[in-house]
Amino acid sequence: MVEGSYVILNPAAGAGNGLRQREAIEQGLAARGLSYHMVLSERRGQAVDLARAAAESGWPRVIAAGGDGTVNEIINGLILAREQVVQLPDLGVIGVGRGNDFAHGAGIPGEFELALDALASDRVRTVDIGQVRGGLHPDGRYFGNCVGVGFDAVGTIEASKLPRLGGFLSFFIAVLKTIFIYHRGPQVRLAFDGEVLELPVLMISIMNGQRLGGGFWMAPEARPDDGFFDLCVVQQVTRRRILSLIPHFLRGTQGTQPEVQMGRAASIQVEALQGVLPAQTDGEIISIEGRELQVELIPGALQVLVGESGA
């Protein structure tokens, strides 16, 4: 049984902020008397393998130093190790990426020094994890924060083209651009919690956390430990109406608008009756031409280090 923390640092996170913060992370861990072993991920997807190997080797804590994409890969590695280990490592997060939305939703401090303090604490929170099947991942991919179908998936692609801007600013500019390149979504059949809807949709957000893009409150009432996803379904609207809805998403008041339906469910199926389902999970594109997605909740799947200020 090894001791200490296995730190997976993504040097490319936050347009290189991960690498720039390496020394500060090492100094912060040492100042708090934390023993650790740090590895740098070198390619997309590598953190999945690193986290799985760390769990199977008996590390009690695995720390993600990166953004939501890094955290997503590490979550996948940890969950994939479940069949091989008795107890999964606790997950810690040092948010040095752009959005850091999973950390926010889980109650992990976003401020750098407080995030390091959380790693020195024994306070953990048990959180749910989701699994989505379909598109580019017919066998499934796990996620911590969200699955987005339609408008926000295209917005995620556009945000990735703006690497030098901050997380929220990149996503906000991408949203404005997406209005002009993706304003008409698919006709879908959406099944959840015994309810079936058939309608043209601009966007479907399946949320375990509360926000996207560092400031869009897709599900302000969501909790990652309540056994349910929170849904935000936006019907097809005009470009002008998209613009007028944006302030509501920035405040989390979109549920008051007639074109927006909110809901809760532990299992959701989305099928394109016309068109296709562009989709993303935790900022990673998972479907481009897919026509069906199945999303399931895994309750109490992971423990995350939240520190004294955690929920």
C-alpha atoms as a PDB file:
ATOM      1  CA  MET A   1       0.000   0.000   0.000  1.00  0.00           C
ATOM      2  CA  VAL A   2       1.528   3.279  -1.138  1.00  0.00           C
ATOM      3  CA  GLU A   3       1.031   6.499   0.801  1.00  0.00           C
ATOM      4  CA  GLY A   4       0.453  10.095  -0.187  1.00  0.00           C
ATOM      5  CA  SER A   5      -1.074  11.538  -3.342  1.00  0.00           C
ATOM      6  CA  TYR A   6      -0.639  10.655  -6.981  1.00  0.00           C
ATOM      7  CA  VAL A   7      -0.773  13.984  -8.821  1.00  0.00           C
ATOM      8  CA  ILE A   8      -1.631  14.024 -12.528  1.00  0.00           C
ATOM      9  CA  LEU A   9      -0.776  17.414 -14.005  1.00  0.00           C
ATOM     10  CA  ASN A  10      -1.964  18.397 -17.458  1.00  0.00           C
ATOM     11  CA  PRO A  11       0.655  20.922 -18.638  1.00  0.00           C
ATOM     12  CA  ALA A  12      -1.607  22.032 -21.504  1.00  0.00           C
ATOM     13  CA  ALA A  13      -4.585  22.875 -19.263  1.00  0.00           C
ATOM     14  CA  GLY A  14      -5.708  26.486 -19.420  1.00  0.00           C
ATOM     15  CA  ALA A  15      -3.656  27.171 -22.564  1.00  0.00           C
ATOM     16  CA  GLY A  16      -0.458  26.200 -20.760  1.00  0.00           C
ATOM     17  CA  ASN A  17      -1.440  27.412 -17.302  1.00  0.00           C
ATOM     18  CA  GLY A  18      -0.968  23.886 -15.973  1.00  0.00           C
ATOM     19  CA  LEU A  19       2.720  23.927 -16.794  1.00  0.00           C
ATOM     20  CA  ARG A  20       3.135  27.486 -15.517  1.00  0.00           C
ATOM     21  CA  GLN A  21       1.630  26.450 -12.185  1.00  0.00           C
ATOM     22  CA  ARG A  22       3.754  23.333 -11.722  1.00  0.00           C
ATOM     23  CA  GLU A  23       6.315  24.914  -9.405  1.00  0.00           C
ATOM     24  CA  ALA A  24       3.624  26.636  -7.331  1.00  0.00           C
ATOM     25  CA  ILE A  25       1.759  23.334  -6.966  1.00  0.00           C
ATOM     26  CA  GLU A  26       4.897  21.499  -5.852  1.00  0.00           C
ATOM     27  CA  GLN A  27       5.778  24.244  -3.371  1.00  0.00           C
ATOM     28  CA  GLY A  28       2.225  24.340  -2.038  1.00  0.00           C
ATOM     29  CA  LEU A  29       2.084  20.591  -1.485  1.00  0.00           C
ATOM     30  CA  ALA A  30       5.472  20.596   0.237  1.00  0.00           C
ATOM     31  CA  ALA A  31       4.519  23.557   2.445  1.00  0.00           C
ATOM     32  CA  ARG A  32       1.531  21.568   3.683  1.00  0.00           C
ATOM     33  CA  GLY A  33       3.649  18.517   4.425  1.00  0.00           C
ATOM     34  CA  LEU A  34       1.954  16.421   1.757  1.00  0.00           C
ATOM     35  CA  SER A  35       3.878  13.552   0.209  1.00  0.00           C
ATOM     36  CA  TYR A  36       3.171  13.071  -3.475  1.00  0.00           C
ATOM     37  CA  HIS A  37       4.322  11.678  -6.773  1.00  0.00           C
ATOM     38  CA  MET A  38       3.666  13.877  -9.804  1.00  0.00           C
ATOM     39  CA  VAL A  39       3.338  12.812 -13.411  1.00  0.00           C
ATOM     40  CA  LEU A  40       2.626  14.988 -16.443  1.00  0.00           C
ATOM     41  CA  SER A  41       0.139  13.819 -19.030  1.00  0.00           C
ATOM     42  CA  GLU A  42       1.554  14.035 -22.527  1.00  0.00           C
ATOM     43  CA  ARG A  43      -1.431  13.356 -24.765  1.00  0.00           C
ATOM     44  CA  ARG A  44      -5.209  13.424 -24.796  1.00  0.00           C
ATOM     45  CA  GLY A  45      -6.610  10.391 -22.986  1.00  0.00           C
ATOM     46  CA  GLN A  46      -3.416   9.477 -21.138  1.00  0.00           C
ATOM     47  CA  ALA A  47      -4.782  10.621 -17.773  1.00  0.00           C
ATOM     48  CA  VAL A  48      -7.393   7.843 -18.008  1.00  0.00           C
ATOM     49  CA  ASP A  49      -4.655   5.220 -18.008  1.00  0.00           C
ATOM     50  CA  LEU A  50      -2.589   7.018 -15.379  1.00  0.00           C
ATOM     51  CA  ALA A  51      -5.508   7.314 -12.959  1.00  0.00           C
ATOM     52  CA  ARG A  52      -6.575   3.712 -13.463  1.00  0.00           C
ATOM     53  CA  ALA A  53      -3.035   2.466 -12.836  1.00  0.00           C
ATOM     54  CA  ALA A  54      -2.745   4.663  -9.733  1.00  0.00           C
ATOM     55  CA  ALA A  55      -5.971   3.239  -8.317  1.00  0.00           C
ATOM     56  CA  GLU A  56      -4.920  -0.323  -9.034  1.00  0.00           C
ATOM     57  CA  SER A  57      -1.536   0.351  -7.425  1.00  0.00           C
ATOM     58  CA  GLY A  58      -3.215   1.361  -4.174  1.00  0.00           C
ATOM     59  CA  TRP A  59      -2.718   5.128  -4.085  1.00  0.00           C
ATOM     60  CA  PRO A  60      -5.172   6.544  -1.508  1.00  0.00           C
ATOM     61  CA  ARG A  61      -5.524   9.871  -3.312  1.00  0.00           C
ATOM     62  CA  VAL A  62      -5.403  10.862  -6.961  1.00  0.00           C
ATOM     63  CA  ILE A  63      -5.142  14.584  -7.653  1.00  0.00           C
ATOM     64  CA  ALA A  64      -6.208  16.190 -10.923  1.00  0.00           C
ATOM     65  CA  ALA A  65      -4.212  19.327 -11.678  1.00  0.00           C
ATOM     66  CA  GLY A  66      -5.923  20.689 -14.760  1.00  0.00           C
ATOM     67  CA  GLY A  67      -9.331  21.682 -16.044  1.00  0.00           C
ATOM     68  CA  ASP A  68     -12.599  19.853 -16.560  1.00  0.00           C
ATOM     69  CA  GLY A  69     -11.179  17.733 -19.375  1.00  0.00           C
ATOM     70  CA  THR A  70      -8.376  16.484 -17.130  1.00  0.00           C
ATOM     71  CA  VAL A  71     -10.823  15.758 -14.321  1.00  0.00           C
ATOM     72  CA  ASN A  72     -13.068  13.874 -16.740  1.00  0.00           C
ATOM     73  CA  GLU A  73     -10.228  11.635 -17.870  1.00  0.00           C
ATOM     74  CA  ILE A  74      -9.217  10.903 -14.275  1.00  0.00           C
ATOM     75  CA  ILE A  75     -12.815  10.133 -13.300  1.00  0.00           C
ATOM     76  CA  ASN A  76     -12.951   7.642 -16.168  1.00  0.00           C
ATOM     77  CA  GLY A  77      -9.718   6.013 -15.044  1.00  0.00           C
ATOM     78  CA  LEU A  78     -10.893   5.709 -11.457  1.00  0.00           C
ATOM     79  CA  ILE A  79     -14.304   4.263 -12.304  1.00  0.00           C
ATOM     80  CA  LEU A  80     -12.737   1.788 -14.725  1.00  0.00           C
ATOM     81  CA  ALA A  81     -10.597   0.511 -11.837  1.00  0.00           C
ATOM     82  CA  ARG A  82     -13.628  -0.400  -9.698  1.00  0.00           C
ATOM     83  CA  GLU A  83     -13.530  -4.077 -10.596  1.00  0.00           C
ATOM     84  CA  GLN A  84      -9.889  -4.373  -9.540  1.00  0.00           C
ATOM     85  CA  VAL A  85      -9.826  -2.491  -6.226  1.00  0.00           C
ATOM     86  CA  VAL A  86     -11.699  -2.728  -2.946  1.00  0.00           C
ATOM     87  CA  GLN A  87     -11.824   1.037  -2.412  1.00  0.00           C
ATOM     88  CA  LEU A  88     -11.220   3.751  -4.955  1.00  0.00           C
ATOM     89  CA  PRO A  89      -8.841   6.609  -4.150  1.00  0.00           C
ATOM     90  CA  ASP A  90     -10.224   9.944  -3.029  1.00  0.00           C
ATOM     91  CA  LEU A  91     -10.241  12.477  -5.855  1.00  0.00           C
ATOM     92  CA  GLY A  92      -8.677  15.892  -5.364  1.00  0.00           C
ATOM     93  CA  VAL A  93      -8.729  18.772  -7.829  1.00  0.00           C
ATOM     94  CA  ILE A  94      -6.407  21.729  -8.327  1.00  0.00           C
ATOM     95  CA  GLY A  95      -8.262  23.795 -10.903  1.00  0.00           C
ATOM     96  CA  VAL A  96      -5.742  25.275 -13.311  1.00  0.00           C
ATOM     97  CA  GLY A  97      -7.894  24.913 -16.428  1.00  0.00           C
ATOM     98  CA  ARG A  98     -10.399  27.252 -18.034  1.00  0.00           C
ATOM     99  CA  GLY A  99     -13.818  26.317 -16.684  1.00  0.00           C
ATOM    100  CA  ASN A 100     -13.302  24.186 -13.551  1.00  0.00           C
ATOM    101  CA  ASP A 101     -17.050  23.565 -13.412  1.00  0.00           C
ATOM    102  CA  PHE A 102     -16.872  20.092 -11.851  1.00  0.00           C
ATOM    103  CA  ALA A 103     -14.866  21.422  -8.913  1.00  0.00           C
ATOM    104  CA  HIS A 104     -17.378  24.194  -8.337  1.00  0.00           C
ATOM    105  CA  GLY A 105     -20.357  21.827  -8.378  1.00  0.00           C
ATOM    106  CA  ALA A 106     -18.680  19.343  -6.049  1.00  0.00           C
ATOM    107  CA  GLY A 107     -17.790  22.037  -3.510  1.00  0.00           C
ATOM    108  CA  ILE A 108     -14.045  21.924  -4.170  1.00  0.00           C
ATOM    109  CA  PRO A 109     -12.490  25.371  -3.679  1.00  0.00           C
ATOM    110  CA  GLY A 110     -11.613  27.173  -6.876  1.00  0.00           C
ATOM    111  CA  GLU A 111      -9.100  29.554  -5.338  1.00  0.00           C
ATOM    112  CA  PHE A 112      -5.603  28.110  -5.704  1.00  0.00           C
ATOM    113  CA  GLU A 113      -4.445  28.192  -2.080  1.00  0.00           C
ATOM    114  CA  LEU A 114      -7.788  26.924  -0.770  1.00  0.00           C
ATOM    115  CA  ALA A 115      -7.698  24.080  -3.267  1.00  0.00           C
ATOM    116  CA  LEU A 116      -4.314  23.069  -1.867  1.00  0.00           C
ATOM    117  CA  ASP A 117      -5.690  23.362   1.663  1.00  0.00           C
ATOM    118  CA  ALA A 118      -8.461  20.952   0.701  1.00  0.00           C
ATOM    119  CA  LEU A 119      -5.851  18.356  -0.222  1.00  0.00           C
ATOM    120  CA  ALA A 120      -4.413  18.601   3.282  1.00  0.00           C
ATOM    121  CA  SER A 121      -7.840  18.024   4.803  1.00  0.00           C
ATOM    122  CA  ASP A 122      -9.489  14.675   5.443  1.00  0.00           C
ATOM    123  CA  ARG A 123     -12.912  16.093   4.675  1.00  0.00           C
ATOM    124  CA  VAL A 124     -14.492  14.325   1.734  1.00  0.00           C
ATOM    125  CA  ARG A 125     -17.825  14.434  -0.034  1.00  0.00           C
ATOM    126  CA  THR A 126     -19.384  11.448  -1.771  1.00  0.00           C
ATOM    127  CA  VAL A 127     -20.644  12.386  -5.236  1.00  0.00           C
ATOM    128  CA  ASP A 128     -22.602  10.772  -8.021  1.00  0.00           C
ATOM    129  CA  ILE A 129     -21.074  10.105 -11.418  1.00  0.00           C
ATOM    130  CA  GLY A 130     -22.817   9.777 -14.765  1.00  0.00           C
ATOM    131  CA  GLN A 131     -22.305   7.465 -17.710  1.00  0.00           C
ATOM    132  CA  VAL A 132     -23.272   8.278 -21.281  1.00  0.00           C
ATOM    133  CA  ARG A 133     -23.454   5.726 -24.096  1.00  0.00           C
ATOM    134  CA  GLY A 134     -23.704   6.503 -27.791  1.00  0.00           C
ATOM    135  CA  GLY A 135     -22.038   8.628 -30.426  1.00  0.00           C
ATOM    136  CA  LEU A 136     -18.271   8.185 -30.324  1.00  0.00           C
ATOM    137  CA  HIS A 137     -18.529   6.109 -27.127  1.00  0.00           C
ATOM    138  CA  PRO A 138     -20.997   3.249 -27.683  1.00  0.00           C
ATOM    139  CA  ASP A 139     -19.461   1.386 -24.728  1.00  0.00           C
ATOM    140  CA  GLY A 140     -19.872   4.416 -22.493  1.00  0.00           C
ATOM    141  CA  ARG A 141     -17.954   7.333 -21.039  1.00  0.00           C
ATOM    142  CA  TYR A 142     -18.181   8.552 -17.466  1.00  0.00           C
ATOM    143  CA  PHE A 143     -18.610  12.190 -16.489  1.00  0.00           C
ATOM    144  CA  GLY A 144     -18.715  14.365 -13.414  1.00  0.00           C
ATOM    145  CA  ASN A 145     -20.434  17.587 -14.470  1.00  0.00           C
ATOM    146  CA  CYS A 146     -22.626  17.375 -17.550  1.00  0.00           C
ATOM    147  CA  VAL A 147     -23.743  16.074 -20.889  1.00  0.00           C
ATOM    148  CA  GLY A 148     -24.793  18.773 -23.333  1.00  0.00           C
ATOM    149  CA  VAL A 149     -26.663  18.111 -26.578  1.00  0.00           C
ATOM    150  CA  GLY A 150     -27.041  20.602 -29.400  1.00  0.00           C
ATOM    151  CA  PHE A 151     -26.181  24.272 -28.961  1.00  0.00           C
ATOM    152  CA  ASP A 152     -23.754  23.938 -26.051  1.00  0.00           C
ATOM    153  CA  ALA A 153     -21.853  21.103 -27.763  1.00  0.00           C
ATOM    154  CA  VAL A 154     -21.270  23.292 -30.819  1.00  0.00           C
ATOM    155  CA  GLY A 155     -20.371  26.141 -28.459  1.00  0.00           C
ATOM    156  CA  THR A 156     -17.788  23.870 -26.812  1.00  0.00           C
ATOM    157  CA  ILE A 157     -16.163  23.253 -30.196  1.00  0.00           C
ATOM    158  CA  GLU A 158     -16.039  26.975 -30.875  1.00  0.00           C
ATOM    159  CA  ALA A 159     -14.646  27.729 -27.399  1.00  0.00           C
ATOM    160  CA  SER A 160     -11.789  25.320 -28.025  1.00  0.00           C
ATOM    161  CA  LYS A 161     -10.715  27.544 -30.907  1.00  0.00           C
ATOM    162  CA  LEU A 162     -10.141  30.446 -28.476  1.00  0.00           C
ATOM    163  CA  PRO A 163      -7.345  29.024 -26.283  1.00  0.00           C
ATOM    164  CA  ARG A 164      -5.789  32.285 -25.159  1.00  0.00           C
ATOM    165  CA  LEU A 165      -8.879  33.693 -23.490  1.00  0.00           C
ATOM    166  CA  GLY A 166     -10.183  32.956 -19.998  1.00  0.00           C
ATOM    167  CA  GLY A 167     -12.687  30.144 -19.556  1.00  0.00           C
ATOM    168  CA  PHE A 168     -15.869  32.183 -19.178  1.00  0.00           C
ATOM    169  CA  LEU A 169     -14.867  34.769 -21.803  1.00  0.00           C
ATOM    170  CA  SER A 170     -14.010  32.026 -24.309  1.00  0.00           C
ATOM    171  CA  PHE A 171     -17.333  30.308 -23.758  1.00  0.00           C
ATOM    172  CA  PHE A 172     -19.310  33.551 -23.887  1.00  0.00           C
ATOM    173  CA  ILE A 173     -17.743  34.566 -27.205  1.00  0.00           C
ATOM    174  CA  ALA A 174     -18.284  31.022 -28.498  1.00  0.00           C
ATOM    175  CA  VAL A 175     -21.975  31.215 -27.538  1.00  0.00           C
ATOM    176  CA  LEU A 176     -22.383  34.412 -29.553  1.00  0.00           C
ATOM    177  CA  LYS A 177     -20.647  32.831 -32.532  1.00  0.00           C
ATOM    178  CA  THR A 178     -22.697  29.645 -32.248  1.00  0.00           C
ATOM    179  CA  ILE A 179     -25.924  31.621 -32.609  1.00  0.00           C
ATOM    180  CA  PHE A 180     -24.980  32.266 -36.224  1.00  0.00           C
ATOM    181  CA  ILE A 181     -23.666  28.804 -37.130  1.00  0.00           C
ATOM    182  CA  TYR A 182     -26.056  26.587 -35.145  1.00  0.00           C
ATOM    183  CA  HIS A 183     -29.510  28.000 -34.584  1.00  0.00           C
ATOM    184  CA  ARG A 184     -31.633  25.016 -35.574  1.00  0.00           C
ATOM    185  CA  GLY A 185     -31.372  21.780 -33.629  1.00  0.00           C
ATOM    186  CA  PRO A 186     -32.818  18.294 -34.169  1.00  0.00           C
ATOM    187  CA  GLN A 187     -36.290  16.926 -33.612  1.00  0.00           C
ATOM    188  CA  VAL A 188     -35.855  14.566 -30.667  1.00  0.00           C
ATOM    189  CA  ARG A 189     -37.606  11.992 -28.568  1.00  0.00           C
ATOM    190  CA  LEU A 190     -36.601  12.603 -24.950  1.00  0.00           C
ATOM    191  CA  ALA A 191     -37.532  10.001 -22.345  1.00  0.00           C
ATOM    192  CA  PHE A 192     -36.934  10.560 -18.627  1.00  0.00           C
ATOM    193  CA  ASP A 193     -38.616   9.738 -15.339  1.00  0.00           C
ATOM    194  CA  GLY A 194     -41.642   8.145 -17.027  1.00  0.00           C
ATOM    195  CA  GLU A 195     -42.156  11.161 -19.284  1.00  0.00           C
ATOM    196  CA  VAL A 196     -41.703  11.221 -23.061  1.00  0.00           C
ATOM    197  CA  LEU A 197     -41.337  14.426 -25.061  1.00  0.00           C
ATOM    198  CA  GLU A 198     -41.125  14.779 -28.833  1.00  0.00           C
ATOM    199  CA  LEU A 199     -40.083  18.267 -29.869  1.00  0.00           C
ATOM    200  CA  PRO A 200     -37.520  20.311 -31.798  1.00  0.00           C
ATOM    201  CA  VAL A 201     -34.785  21.355 -29.392  1.00  0.00           C
ATOM    202  CA  LEU A 202     -32.044  23.923 -29.442  1.00  0.00           C
ATOM    203  CA  MET A 203     -30.283  22.374 -26.471  1.00  0.00           C
ATOM    204  CA  ILE A 204     -30.530  19.682 -23.810  1.00  0.00           C
ATOM    205  CA  SER A 205     -28.307  19.971 -20.754  1.00  0.00           C
ATOM    206  CA  ILE A 206     -28.074  16.949 -18.444  1.00  0.00           C
ATOM    207  CA  MET A 207     -26.432  18.291 -15.327  1.00  0.00           C
ATOM    208  CA  ASN A 208     -24.771  16.648 -12.350  1.00  0.00           C
ATOM    209  CA  GLY A 209     -23.216  20.005 -11.483  1.00  0.00           C
ATOM    210  CA  GLN A 210     -24.667  23.493 -11.697  1.00  0.00           C
ATOM    211  CA  ARG A 211     -22.882  25.404 -14.410  1.00  0.00           C
ATOM    212  CA  LEU A 212     -21.071  25.334 -17.762  1.00  0.00           C
ATOM    213  CA  GLY A 213     -18.371  27.545 -19.189  1.00  0.00           C
ATOM    214  CA  GLY A 214     -17.472  29.071 -15.839  1.00  0.00           C
ATOM    215  CA  GLY A 215     -20.646  31.161 -15.570  1.00  0.00           C
ATOM    216  CA  PHE A 216     -23.698  29.730 -17.356  1.00  0.00           C
ATOM    217  CA  TRP A 217     -26.016  28.375 -14.633  1.00  0.00           C
ATOM    218  CA  MET A 218     -27.729  25.548 -16.463  1.00  0.00           C
ATOM    219  CA  ALA A 219     -29.057  23.918 -13.278  1.00  0.00           C
ATOM    220  CA  PRO A 220     -28.626  26.248 -10.289  1.00  0.00           C
ATOM    221  CA  GLU A 221     -30.437  23.846  -7.931  1.00  0.00           C
ATOM    222  CA  ALA A 222     -28.408  20.758  -8.899  1.00  0.00           C
ATOM    223  CA  ARG A 223     -26.459  18.803  -6.300  1.00  0.00           C
ATOM    224  CA  PRO A 224     -23.949  16.093  -7.261  1.00  0.00           C
ATOM    225  CA  ASP A 225     -24.955  13.849  -4.370  1.00  0.00           C
ATOM    226  CA  ASP A 226     -28.765  13.737  -4.566  1.00  0.00           C
ATOM    227  CA  GLY A 227     -29.160  10.718  -6.860  1.00  0.00           C
ATOM    228  CA  PHE A 228     -30.562  12.708  -9.804  1.00  0.00           C
ATOM    229  CA  PHE A 229     -29.496  14.645 -12.849  1.00  0.00           C
ATOM    230  CA  ASP A 230     -31.050  18.063 -13.377  1.00  0.00           C
ATOM    231  CA  LEU A 231     -32.360  18.661 -16.900  1.00  0.00           C
ATOM    232  CA  CYS A 232     -32.579  21.886 -18.834  1.00  0.00           C
ATOM    233  CA  VAL A 233     -34.411  21.511 -22.162  1.00  0.00           C
ATOM    234  CA  VAL A 234     -34.615  24.509 -24.496  1.00  0.00           C
ATOM    235  CA  GLN A 235     -37.085  24.311 -27.352  1.00  0.00           C
ATOM    236  CA  GLN A 236     -36.199  25.539 -30.814  1.00  0.00           C
ATOM    237  CA  VAL A 237     -36.280  29.343 -30.832  1.00  0.00           C
ATOM    238  CA  THR A 238     -35.191  32.157 -33.129  1.00  0.00           C
ATOM    239  CA  ARG A 239     -31.746  33.705 -33.113  1.00  0.00           C
ATOM    240  CA  ARG A 240     -33.146  36.845 -31.542  1.00  0.00           C
ATOM    241  CA  ARG A 241     -34.759  34.793 -28.778  1.00  0.00           C
ATOM    242  CA  ILE A 242     -31.465  32.978 -28.096  1.00  0.00           C
ATOM    243  CA  LEU A 243     -29.884  36.366 -27.428  1.00  0.00           C
ATOM    244  CA  SER A 244     -32.643  37.334 -25.011  1.00  0.00           C
ATOM    245  CA  LEU A 245     -32.331  34.015 -23.163  1.00  0.00           C
ATOM    246  CA  ILE A 246     -28.588  34.407 -22.497  1.00  0.00           C
ATOM    247  CA  PRO A 247     -29.035  36.772 -19.509  1.00  0.00           C
ATOM    248  CA  HIS A 248     -31.369  34.216 -17.913  1.00  0.00           C
ATOM    249  CA  PHE A 249     -28.699  31.512 -18.155  1.00  0.00           C
ATOM    250  CA  LEU A 250     -26.168  33.890 -16.637  1.00  0.00           C
ATOM    251  CA  ARG A 251     -28.530  34.380 -13.674  1.00  0.00           C
ATOM    252  CA  GLY A 252     -29.938  30.852 -13.556  1.00  0.00           C
ATOM    253  CA  THR A 253     -33.505  32.075 -14.140  1.00  0.00           C
ATOM    254  CA  GLN A 254     -34.134  30.336 -17.466  1.00  0.00           C
ATOM    255  CA  GLY A 255     -36.668  28.024 -15.838  1.00  0.00           C
ATOM    256  CA  THR A 256     -39.095  30.959 -15.721  1.00  0.00           C
ATOM    257  CA  GLN A 257     -39.164  31.181 -19.530  1.00  0.00           C
ATOM    258  CA  PRO A 258     -41.861  29.363 -21.543  1.00  0.00           C
ATOM    259  CA  GLU A 259     -39.416  27.777 -23.995  1.00  0.00           C
ATOM    260  CA  VAL A 260     -37.367  26.186 -21.206  1.00  0.00           C
ATOM    261  CA  GLN A 261     -38.350  23.066 -19.298  1.00  0.00           C
ATOM    262  CA  MET A 262     -36.493  21.912 -16.191  1.00  0.00           C
ATOM    263  CA  GLY A 263     -36.650  18.388 -14.766  1.00  0.00           C
ATOM    264  CA  ARG A 264     -34.888  15.732 -12.714  1.00  0.00           C
ATOM    265  CA  ALA A 265     -34.169  12.103 -13.514  1.00  0.00           C
ATOM    266  CA  ALA A 266     -31.598   9.363 -12.959  1.00  0.00           C
ATOM    267  CA  SER A 267     -31.952   7.900 -16.452  1.00  0.00           C
ATOM    268  CA  ILE A 268     -32.402   9.821 -19.714  1.00  0.00           C
ATOM    269  CA  GLN A 269     -32.640   8.673 -23.313  1.00  0.00           C
ATOM    270  CA  VAL A 270     -32.296  11.089 -26.224  1.00  0.00           C
ATOM    271  CA  GLU A 271     -33.086   9.984 -29.774  1.00  0.00           C
ATOM    272  CA  ALA A 272     -32.882  12.153 -32.886  1.00  0.00           C
ATOM    273  CA  LEU A 273     -36.039  11.706 -34.962  1.00  0.00           C
ATOM    274  CA  GLN A 274     -34.723  14.223 -37.479  1.00  0.00           C
ATOM    275  CA  GLY A 275     -31.153  15.473 -37.674  1.00  0.00           C
ATOM    276  CA  VAL A 276     -28.238  14.379 -35.475  1.00  0.00           C
ATOM    277  CA  LEU A 277     -27.082  14.856 -31.902  1.00  0.00           C
ATOM    278  CA  PRO A 278     -23.901  16.897 -31.467  1.00  0.00           C
ATOM    279  CA  ALA A 279     -22.961  16.303 -27.832  1.00  0.00           C
ATOM    280  CA  GLN A 280     -20.247  16.987 -25.284  1.00  0.00           C
ATOM    281  CA  THR A 281     -19.486  15.762 -21.801  1.00  0.00           C
ATOM    282  CA  ASP A 282     -17.368  17.819 -19.406  1.00  0.00           C
ATOM    283  CA  GLY A 283     -16.132  19.815 -22.384  1.00  0.00           C
ATOM    284  CA  GLU A 284     -15.127  16.757 -24.456  1.00  0.00           C
ATOM    285  CA  ILE A 285     -16.971  16.106 -27.737  1.00  0.00           C
ATOM    286  CA  ILE A 286     -18.637  12.668 -27.610  1.00  0.00           C
ATOM    287  CA  SER A 287     -21.008  12.807 -30.585  1.00  0.00           C
ATOM    288  CA  ILE A 288     -20.988  14.537 -33.948  1.00  0.00           C
ATOM    289  CA  GLU A 289     -23.262  12.470 -36.175  1.00  0.00           C
ATOM    290  CA  GLY A 290     -24.796  10.209 -33.516  1.00  0.00           C
ATOM    291  CA  ARG A 291     -28.544   9.753 -33.280  1.00  0.00           C
ATOM    292  CA  GLU A 292     -29.055   8.263 -29.815  1.00  0.00           C
ATOM    293  CA  LEU A 293     -27.641   8.793 -26.323  1.00  0.00           C
ATOM    294  CA  GLN A 294     -28.395   6.924 -23.103  1.00  0.00           C
ATOM    295  CA  VAL A 295     -27.401   8.615 -19.841  1.00  0.00           C
ATOM    296  CA  GLU A 296     -27.415   6.836 -16.465  1.00  0.00           C
ATOM    297  CA  LEU A 297     -26.533   7.968 -12.946  1.00  0.00           C
ATOM    298  CA  ILE A 298     -24.133   5.990 -10.728  1.00  0.00           C
ATOM    299  CA  PRO A 299     -24.983   7.144  -7.186  1.00  0.00           C
ATOM    300  CA  GLY A 300     -22.211   7.683  -4.649  1.00  0.00           C
ATOM    301  CA  ALA A 301     -19.487   6.567  -7.047  1.00  0.00           C
ATOM    302  CA  LEU A 302     -16.563   8.706  -5.830  1.00  0.00           C
ATOM    303  CA  GLN A 303     -15.287  10.582  -2.810  1.00  0.00           C
ATOM    304  CA  VAL A 304     -13.806  14.019  -3.465  1.00  0.00           C
ATOM    305  CA  LEU A 305     -11.619  16.111  -1.182  1.00  0.00           C
ATOM    306  CA  VAL A 306     -13.493  19.321  -0.438  1.00  0.00           C
ATOM    307  CA  GLY A 307     -11.707  20.781   2.595  1.00  0.00           C
ATOM    308  CA  GLU A 308     -13.301  22.858   5.313  1.00  0.00           C
ATOM    309  CA  SER A 309     -15.256  25.064   2.929  1.00  0.00           C
ATOM    310  CA  GLY A 310     -16.747  22.169   0.965  1.00  0.00           C
ATOM    311  CA  ALA A 311     -20.479  21.501   0.751  1.00  0.00           C
END
